[in-house]
Amino acid sequence: MLQHPSSSCINMPKMSSAMKEVSVQLPKKHERPDEPWHHYLSIDVIWYVLGYTLFHPFVSWVVVLCLRAQYTPYGNLEMRIAIAWSILMSAIGIFGIVSDRIAFGSPREVDLADEVIVITGGVDGLGGLLAETYGMRNANIAVLDTKEVDQDEAEDKGVLYYKCDVSDAKQVESAAAKIVEDLGAPTILINNAGIVHKKSILDTSMEEVEQTFRVNTLSHFITLRTFLPHMIREGRGTIVTISSVLGHLGAANLSAYTASKAALLALHHSLRAELAQMPEAAEIKTVLVTPGQMSTKMFADVKAPSNFFAPTATPAEIGKNIIRLIERGESGEVAIPLYSQYVGFFSILPVGIQHMIRRWSGLDAAVSKSIPSKVPVLEKM
């Protein structure tokens, strides 16, 4: 047997300094909810599986090839059905690609090393997940939030935190000046900050209504007016507007919240229309996020009306899709769960059917069950 001298041993390269060590603590078995298997079965899971099998153009053509491998004549009924289905799936796929290109234009080039990302309300929840994800990837990330973060924790996460009330224009302008000095001109803005008062219209004070609109809606105007000029000067950018499916539907005991989120839908479309009229903003992309109920602190005490038709979305699911669009340099929409993508059809149904669906789904009763009698509730995302 040949033996190599020690001098010929190959030294393993050291891990790149760009890689960051992240401590991960997996959940213990007893910390996981003991749910039956069917609890995790939802229409979203079924639709996802169908999308990669029966409704996928590639898989459809594989079926045609398999039939030909069995010497199935083209004139046979099963071959005709398979070919027709493959052509239909391919046509739908091509139509979707062309439609997106017409609506959103060509994607822009994105290099995280050259981007400066600003997230409002990014200490915890969905915003916190996005901030920590980009922090682990050594991106230039700044978070605006009223909550303070320990300096050592901020350094571990690789995120710069600026204590700032995004509903106050002067505080946002001051924070923006520091961000430009510390990181550079912001090119990606994720408007995530939000609060909710779970009260009926009669129990909600005008101060609470004003606070909800200032944080959930007016803050978007403030951040756009502050950071959009930097994107225009840079000639590139991405703006993410996080609204809610309840902006389409409304809900009992969430009047101020749903109204503030509905305003964001109109703001997003108005923003897109204005950017389309500015040649210098051709490389500024927009992303609209309309999630259903998320498993965050904001609605942790609200039980979803139907786990099958309206499963609770996780911040990881939504964050993954937001990051995908941002890094592809594309405009688009993120709507999770599945019903969020088709909620627009709800408004064209006869009003009687709409009423029956609302009663059957338990939409308007979900929040009231979580509200203690006459006890005000205020939570932050």
Protein backbone atom coordinates (compact mmCIF):
# COMPACT_ATOMS: atom_id res chain seq x y z
CA MET A 1 0.00 0.00 0.00
CA LEU A 2 1.35 3.40 -0.92
CA GLN A 3 1.81 5.86 1.88
CA HIS A 4 2.03 9.58 1.31
CA PRO A 5 4.43 11.65 3.31
CA SER A 6 2.92 14.17 5.68
CA SER A 7 4.30 17.00 3.60
CA SER A 8 1.99 16.06 0.74
CA CYS A 9 -1.18 16.38 2.78
CA ILE A 10 -3.63 18.86 1.35
CA ASN A 11 -4.56 21.72 3.65
CA MET A 12 -8.28 22.43 3.73
CA PRO A 13 -9.09 26.04 2.90
CA LYS A 14 -10.27 28.15 5.75
CA MET A 15 -13.88 29.26 5.80
CA SER A 16 -14.39 32.59 4.12
CA SER A 17 -14.61 35.53 6.48
CA ALA A 18 -17.78 36.52 4.65
CA MET A 19 -19.55 33.50 6.11
CA LYS A 20 -21.21 34.18 9.43
CA GLU A 21 -21.59 31.65 12.19
CA VAL A 22 -25.22 31.47 13.27
CA SER A 23 -26.33 29.71 16.42
CA VAL A 24 -29.39 27.57 15.81
CA GLN A 25 -31.46 25.90 18.49
CA LEU A 26 -33.83 23.30 17.12
CA PRO A 27 -37.17 22.94 18.86
CA LYS A 28 -37.47 20.05 21.28
CA LYS A 29 -39.95 17.35 20.46
CA HIS A 30 -42.24 18.24 23.33
CA GLU A 31 -42.33 21.88 22.19
CA ARG A 32 -43.94 21.00 18.88
CA PRO A 33 -47.73 20.98 18.80
CA ASP A 34 -49.16 17.47 18.80
CA GLU A 35 -51.45 17.81 15.79
CA PRO A 36 -52.95 15.00 13.69
CA TRP A 37 -51.60 14.62 10.16
CA HIS A 38 -54.74 16.04 8.56
CA HIS A 39 -54.19 19.31 10.42
CA TYR A 40 -51.40 20.09 7.95
CA LEU A 41 -53.49 19.19 4.90
CA SER A 42 -54.91 22.29 3.24
CA ILE A 43 -56.09 23.44 -0.14
CA ASP A 44 -52.78 25.28 -0.47
CA VAL A 45 -50.84 22.02 -0.17
CA ILE A 46 -53.09 20.29 -2.71
CA TRP A 47 -52.79 23.21 -5.14
CA TYR A 48 -49.00 23.26 -4.72
CA VAL A 49 -48.72 19.56 -5.54
CA LEU A 50 -51.02 19.90 -8.56
CA GLY A 51 -48.98 22.84 -9.78
CA TYR A 52 -45.89 20.65 -10.05
CA THR A 53 -47.68 17.61 -11.47
CA LEU A 54 -50.99 17.71 -13.33
CA PHE A 55 -50.88 21.43 -14.14
CA HIS A 56 -47.16 21.63 -14.99
CA PRO A 57 -46.39 21.92 -18.75
CA PHE A 58 -43.21 19.83 -18.51
CA VAL A 59 -44.96 16.98 -16.71
CA SER A 60 -47.82 17.13 -19.21
CA TRP A 61 -45.44 16.62 -22.12
CA VAL A 62 -43.68 13.81 -20.26
CA VAL A 63 -47.02 11.96 -20.27
CA VAL A 64 -47.20 12.40 -24.06
CA LEU A 65 -43.66 11.03 -24.43
CA CYS A 66 -44.51 8.06 -22.21
CA LEU A 67 -47.50 7.25 -24.39
CA ARG A 68 -45.36 7.44 -27.51
CA ALA A 69 -42.78 5.18 -25.84
CA GLN A 70 -45.57 2.60 -25.69
CA TYR A 71 -46.20 3.10 -29.42
CA THR A 72 -49.59 4.68 -28.74
CA PRO A 73 -50.93 5.98 -32.10
CA TYR A 74 -51.53 9.72 -32.36
CA GLY A 75 -55.12 9.01 -33.31
CA ASN A 76 -55.98 7.24 -30.04
CA LEU A 77 -58.26 9.07 -27.63
CA GLU A 78 -55.79 9.04 -24.71
CA MET A 79 -53.04 10.47 -26.93
CA ARG A 80 -55.31 13.25 -28.19
CA ILE A 81 -56.36 14.14 -24.64
CA ALA A 82 -52.73 14.15 -23.44
CA ILE A 83 -51.57 16.37 -26.31
CA ALA A 84 -54.49 18.76 -25.93
CA TRP A 85 -53.86 19.04 -22.18
CA SER A 86 -50.14 19.67 -22.74
CA ILE A 87 -50.85 22.40 -25.28
CA LEU A 88 -53.34 24.02 -22.90
CA MET A 89 -50.90 23.98 -19.94
CA SER A 90 -48.11 25.36 -22.13
CA ALA A 91 -50.36 28.13 -23.47
CA ILE A 92 -51.42 29.13 -19.95
CA GLY A 93 -47.78 29.20 -18.81
CA ILE A 94 -46.67 31.32 -21.77
CA PHE A 95 -49.64 33.66 -21.31
CA GLY A 96 -48.68 34.18 -17.66
CA ILE A 97 -45.09 35.03 -18.56
CA VAL A 98 -46.15 37.48 -21.28
CA SER A 99 -48.79 39.04 -19.02
CA ASP A 100 -46.26 39.65 -16.24
CA ARG A 101 -43.76 41.14 -18.67
CA ILE A 102 -46.40 43.54 -20.05
CA ALA A 103 -47.53 44.54 -16.57
CA PHE A 104 -44.19 44.76 -14.77
CA GLY A 105 -41.58 45.16 -17.49
CA SER A 106 -38.13 43.61 -17.57
CA PRO A 107 -36.42 42.77 -14.25
CA ARG A 108 -33.56 44.90 -13.01
CA GLU A 109 -30.16 43.63 -11.97
CA VAL A 110 -29.76 43.20 -8.22
CA ASP A 111 -26.45 42.78 -6.39
CA LEU A 112 -26.93 42.79 -2.61
CA ALA A 113 -23.45 44.25 -2.15
CA ASP A 114 -24.62 47.41 -3.94
CA GLU A 115 -28.06 47.61 -2.35
CA VAL A 116 -29.10 49.36 0.87
CA ILE A 117 -32.23 47.84 2.39
CA VAL A 118 -34.54 49.73 4.76
CA ILE A 119 -37.23 47.86 6.72
CA THR A 120 -39.80 49.57 8.91
CA GLY A 121 -41.00 47.63 11.94
CA GLY A 122 -38.14 45.17 11.52
CA VAL A 123 -37.38 44.15 15.10
CA ASP A 124 -39.70 41.14 15.19
CA GLY A 125 -42.42 39.42 13.18
CA LEU A 126 -42.16 39.34 9.40
CA GLY A 127 -39.93 42.41 9.32
CA GLY A 128 -37.59 40.88 11.87
CA LEU A 129 -37.30 37.69 9.84
CA LEU A 130 -36.45 39.64 6.68
CA ALA A 131 -33.90 41.78 8.52
CA GLU A 132 -32.13 38.80 10.10
CA THR A 133 -32.11 36.88 6.81
CA TYR A 134 -30.41 39.72 4.97
CA GLY A 135 -28.15 40.33 7.96
CA MET A 136 -26.85 36.75 7.79
CA ARG A 137 -26.03 37.36 4.14
CA ASN A 138 -23.98 40.46 4.96
CA ALA A 139 -26.35 42.79 3.15
CA ASN A 140 -26.51 46.49 3.99
CA ILE A 141 -29.64 46.45 6.13
CA ALA A 142 -31.19 49.23 8.25
CA VAL A 143 -34.25 48.81 10.46
CA LEU A 144 -36.55 51.60 11.64
CA ASP A 145 -38.52 50.69 14.74
CA THR A 146 -39.65 52.21 18.02
CA LYS A 147 -38.26 49.18 19.86
CA GLU A 148 -34.64 49.25 20.94
CA VAL A 149 -32.18 46.43 20.27
CA ASP A 150 -29.06 45.72 22.29
CA GLN A 151 -25.88 46.71 20.46
CA ASP A 152 -24.31 43.26 20.85
CA GLU A 153 -27.45 41.60 19.48
CA ALA A 154 -27.50 44.01 16.54
CA GLU A 155 -23.85 43.18 15.73
CA ASP A 156 -24.56 39.45 15.92
CA LYS A 157 -27.44 39.84 13.48
CA GLY A 158 -25.47 42.12 11.16
CA VAL A 159 -28.25 44.73 11.20
CA LEU A 160 -28.19 48.45 11.95
CA TYR A 161 -31.16 49.49 14.08
CA TYR A 162 -32.41 53.08 14.24
CA LYS A 163 -34.95 53.97 16.90
CA CYS A 164 -37.58 55.81 14.91
CA ASP A 165 -41.32 56.38 14.88
CA VAL A 166 -42.13 55.99 11.18
CA SER A 167 -45.33 57.98 11.63
CA ASP A 168 -43.21 61.06 12.46
CA ALA A 169 -41.77 62.67 9.31
CA LYS A 170 -38.97 64.48 11.16
CA GLN A 171 -37.76 61.27 12.82
CA VAL A 172 -37.78 59.43 9.50
CA GLU A 173 -35.84 62.22 7.77
CA SER A 174 -33.27 62.23 10.58
CA ALA A 175 -32.91 58.44 10.41
CA ALA A 176 -32.61 58.58 6.61
CA ALA A 177 -29.70 61.03 6.88
CA LYS A 178 -27.90 58.63 9.25
CA ILE A 179 -28.56 55.67 6.95
CA VAL A 180 -27.10 57.51 3.96
CA GLU A 181 -24.03 58.39 6.02
CA ASP A 182 -23.59 54.87 7.45
CA LEU A 183 -24.57 52.66 4.50
CA GLY A 184 -25.26 54.78 1.44
CA ALA A 185 -28.33 55.70 -0.55
CA PRO A 186 -31.31 53.40 0.18
CA THR A 187 -32.43 51.37 -2.84
CA ILE A 188 -34.83 48.84 -1.30
CA LEU A 189 -37.69 49.91 0.98
CA ILE A 190 -39.87 47.38 2.79
CA ASN A 191 -42.81 49.13 4.46
CA ASN A 192 -43.75 46.59 7.12
CA ALA A 193 -44.62 48.56 10.28
CA GLY A 194 -48.15 48.07 11.54
CA ILE A 195 -50.37 47.99 14.62
CA VAL A 196 -53.89 46.79 15.34
CA HIS A 197 -56.65 47.67 17.82
CA LYS A 198 -59.06 44.75 18.14
CA LYS A 199 -62.18 46.69 18.95
CA SER A 200 -65.57 47.46 17.48
CA ILE A 201 -66.17 50.80 15.82
CA LEU A 202 -68.06 52.11 18.86
CA ASP A 203 -65.35 51.01 21.29
CA THR A 204 -62.47 52.43 19.23
CA SER A 205 -61.50 55.96 20.24
CA MET A 206 -60.55 58.60 17.71
CA GLU A 207 -57.03 58.60 19.14
CA GLU A 208 -56.74 54.89 18.37
CA VAL A 209 -58.11 55.36 14.84
CA GLU A 210 -55.64 58.18 14.20
CA GLN A 211 -52.75 56.13 15.61
CA THR A 212 -53.63 53.16 13.40
CA PHE A 213 -53.74 55.27 10.26
CA ARG A 214 -50.54 57.13 11.13
CA VAL A 215 -48.56 53.90 11.63
CA ASN A 216 -50.22 51.68 9.01
CA THR A 217 -50.89 54.18 6.23
CA LEU A 218 -49.38 57.65 6.65
CA SER A 219 -45.98 56.14 7.43
CA HIS A 220 -45.91 54.79 3.85
CA PHE A 221 -46.35 58.32 2.48
CA ILE A 222 -43.58 59.55 4.77
CA THR A 223 -41.09 56.83 3.85
CA LEU A 224 -41.88 57.13 0.13
CA ARG A 225 -41.34 60.89 0.19
CA THR A 226 -38.09 60.36 2.10
CA PHE A 227 -36.48 57.38 0.33
CA LEU A 228 -37.94 57.45 -3.21
CA PRO A 229 -35.83 60.49 -4.27
CA HIS A 230 -32.68 58.48 -3.42
CA MET A 231 -33.87 55.62 -5.66
CA ILE A 232 -34.63 58.01 -8.51
CA ARG A 233 -31.14 59.51 -8.25
CA GLU A 234 -29.61 56.02 -8.17
CA GLY A 235 -31.76 54.98 -11.13
CA ARG A 236 -32.89 51.75 -9.44
CA GLY A 237 -34.87 50.49 -6.50
CA THR A 238 -37.57 48.22 -5.11
CA ILE A 239 -40.52 49.26 -2.94
CA VAL A 240 -42.43 46.62 -0.99
CA THR A 241 -45.89 47.54 0.30
CA ILE A 242 -47.24 45.15 2.92
CA SER A 243 -51.02 45.38 3.05
CA SER A 244 -53.48 42.62 4.00
CA VAL A 245 -56.18 40.48 2.42
CA LEU A 246 -58.52 42.14 4.93
CA GLY A 247 -58.02 45.34 2.95
CA HIS A 248 -60.23 43.66 0.34
CA LEU A 249 -62.68 41.99 2.71
CA GLY A 250 -62.97 44.07 5.86
CA ALA A 251 -63.78 42.33 9.14
CA ALA A 252 -65.81 42.93 12.27
CA ASN A 253 -63.88 44.43 15.19
CA LEU A 254 -60.99 45.41 12.93
CA SER A 255 -62.47 48.49 11.26
CA ALA A 256 -59.50 50.83 11.71
CA TYR A 257 -56.97 48.16 10.75
CA THR A 258 -58.79 46.97 7.64
CA ALA A 259 -59.49 50.53 6.48
CA SER A 260 -55.82 51.46 6.87
CA LYS A 261 -54.76 48.38 4.89
CA ALA A 262 -57.36 49.04 2.17
CA ALA A 263 -55.82 52.50 1.70
CA LEU A 264 -52.47 50.83 1.01
CA LEU A 265 -53.96 48.92 -1.93
CA ALA A 266 -54.93 52.20 -3.60
CA LEU A 267 -51.59 53.76 -2.65
CA HIS A 268 -49.68 50.91 -4.28
CA HIS A 269 -51.55 51.19 -7.57
CA SER A 270 -51.21 54.99 -7.56
CA LEU A 271 -47.48 54.65 -6.92
CA ARG A 272 -47.11 52.25 -9.84
CA ALA A 273 -49.01 54.64 -12.11
CA GLU A 274 -46.80 57.59 -11.14
CA LEU A 275 -43.56 55.64 -11.56
CA ALA A 276 -44.70 54.53 -15.02
CA GLN A 277 -44.88 58.19 -16.04
CA MET A 278 -41.28 58.88 -14.94
CA PRO A 279 -38.59 57.72 -17.41
CA GLU A 280 -35.93 57.99 -14.69
CA ALA A 281 -37.92 55.52 -12.54
CA ALA A 282 -37.97 52.72 -15.14
CA GLU A 283 -35.71 50.55 -12.94
CA ILE A 284 -37.74 51.05 -9.76
CA LYS A 285 -39.80 47.95 -9.04
CA THR A 286 -42.84 47.56 -6.78
CA VAL A 287 -44.09 44.57 -4.80
CA LEU A 288 -47.54 44.34 -3.19
CA VAL A 289 -47.97 41.87 -0.32
CA THR A 290 -51.51 40.88 0.71
CA PRO A 291 -51.17 38.04 3.20
CA GLY A 292 -53.94 36.28 5.03
CA GLN A 293 -53.62 35.60 8.73
CA MET A 294 -49.98 35.25 9.76
CA SER A 295 -48.57 33.38 12.74
CA THR A 296 -47.14 36.51 14.37
CA LYS A 297 -47.87 38.25 17.67
CA MET A 298 -50.37 40.56 16.01
CA PHE A 299 -53.01 37.86 15.52
CA ALA A 300 -51.62 35.08 17.71
CA ASP A 301 -54.85 34.86 19.71
CA VAL A 302 -57.11 34.68 16.64
CA LYS A 303 -58.03 31.21 15.40
CA ALA A 304 -58.32 30.85 11.63
CA PRO A 305 -61.94 30.18 10.55
CA SER A 306 -60.89 27.15 8.46
CA ASN A 307 -57.51 25.45 8.60
CA PHE A 308 -58.23 23.71 5.26
CA PHE A 309 -59.48 26.65 3.15
CA ALA A 310 -57.73 29.45 5.06
CA PRO A 311 -54.58 28.10 6.72
CA THR A 312 -52.44 30.40 8.80
CA ALA A 313 -49.43 31.60 6.81
CA THR A 314 -45.98 31.67 8.38
CA PRO A 315 -43.63 34.66 8.10
CA ALA A 316 -41.11 32.28 6.48
CA GLU A 317 -43.51 31.48 3.61
CA ILE A 318 -44.27 35.12 2.93
CA GLY A 319 -40.71 36.30 3.49
CA LYS A 320 -39.36 33.71 1.04
CA ASN A 321 -41.59 35.04 -1.74
CA ILE A 322 -40.75 38.67 -0.96
CA ILE A 323 -37.02 37.94 -1.06
CA ARG A 324 -37.41 35.99 -4.32
CA LEU A 325 -39.03 38.95 -6.10
CA ILE A 326 -36.58 41.47 -4.65
CA GLU A 327 -33.49 39.51 -5.65
CA ARG A 328 -34.82 38.71 -9.10
CA GLY A 329 -35.33 42.44 -9.59
CA GLU A 330 -38.98 41.92 -10.44
CA SER A 331 -42.22 43.68 -9.64
CA GLY A 332 -45.13 41.52 -8.60
CA GLU A 333 -47.56 40.49 -5.93
CA VAL A 334 -47.28 38.10 -2.98
CA ALA A 335 -50.62 36.66 -1.86
CA ILE A 336 -50.59 33.76 0.62
CA PRO A 337 -52.59 31.60 1.37
CA LEU A 338 -54.26 30.56 -1.89
CA TYR A 339 -57.56 32.35 -1.28
CA SER A 340 -55.67 35.65 -1.05
CA GLN A 341 -54.84 35.36 -4.75
CA TYR A 342 -58.48 35.10 -5.79
CA VAL A 343 -60.18 37.30 -3.21
CA GLY A 344 -60.87 39.88 -5.94
CA PHE A 345 -63.51 37.55 -7.39
CA PHE A 346 -65.41 37.74 -4.09
CA SER A 347 -66.58 41.30 -4.79
CA ILE A 348 -68.21 40.35 -8.11
CA LEU A 349 -70.40 37.65 -6.55
CA PRO A 350 -74.06 38.43 -5.84
CA VAL A 351 -74.37 40.13 -2.46
CA GLY A 352 -76.49 37.30 -1.10
CA ILE A 353 -73.76 34.76 -1.87
CA GLN A 354 -71.16 37.09 -0.36
CA HIS A 355 -73.23 37.24 2.84
CA MET A 356 -73.53 33.46 2.98
CA ILE A 357 -69.79 32.97 2.45
CA ARG A 358 -68.94 35.42 5.23
CA ARG A 359 -71.27 33.64 7.64
CA TRP A 360 -70.11 30.17 6.62
CA SER A 361 -66.41 31.07 6.85
CA GLY A 362 -66.72 32.66 10.30
CA LEU A 363 -64.67 35.65 9.09
CA ASP A 364 -66.52 38.22 11.18
CA ALA A 365 -66.65 36.08 14.32
CA ALA A 366 -62.97 35.12 14.46
CA VAL A 367 -61.72 38.30 16.13
CA SER A 368 -64.65 38.78 18.50
CA LYS A 369 -63.94 35.39 20.09
CA SER A 370 -60.43 36.52 21.01
CA ILE A 371 -61.43 39.84 22.62
CA PRO A 372 -61.93 39.88 26.39
CA SER A 373 -65.06 41.77 27.36
CA LYS A 374 -64.40 45.54 27.47
CA VAL A 375 -60.63 45.07 27.67
CA PRO A 376 -58.69 47.19 25.13
CA VAL A 377 -56.18 45.32 23.02
CA LEU A 378 -53.13 46.91 21.39
CA GLU A 379 -50.43 44.90 19.74
CA LYS A 380 -47.56 45.61 17.42
CA MET A 381 -46.38 43.52 14.49
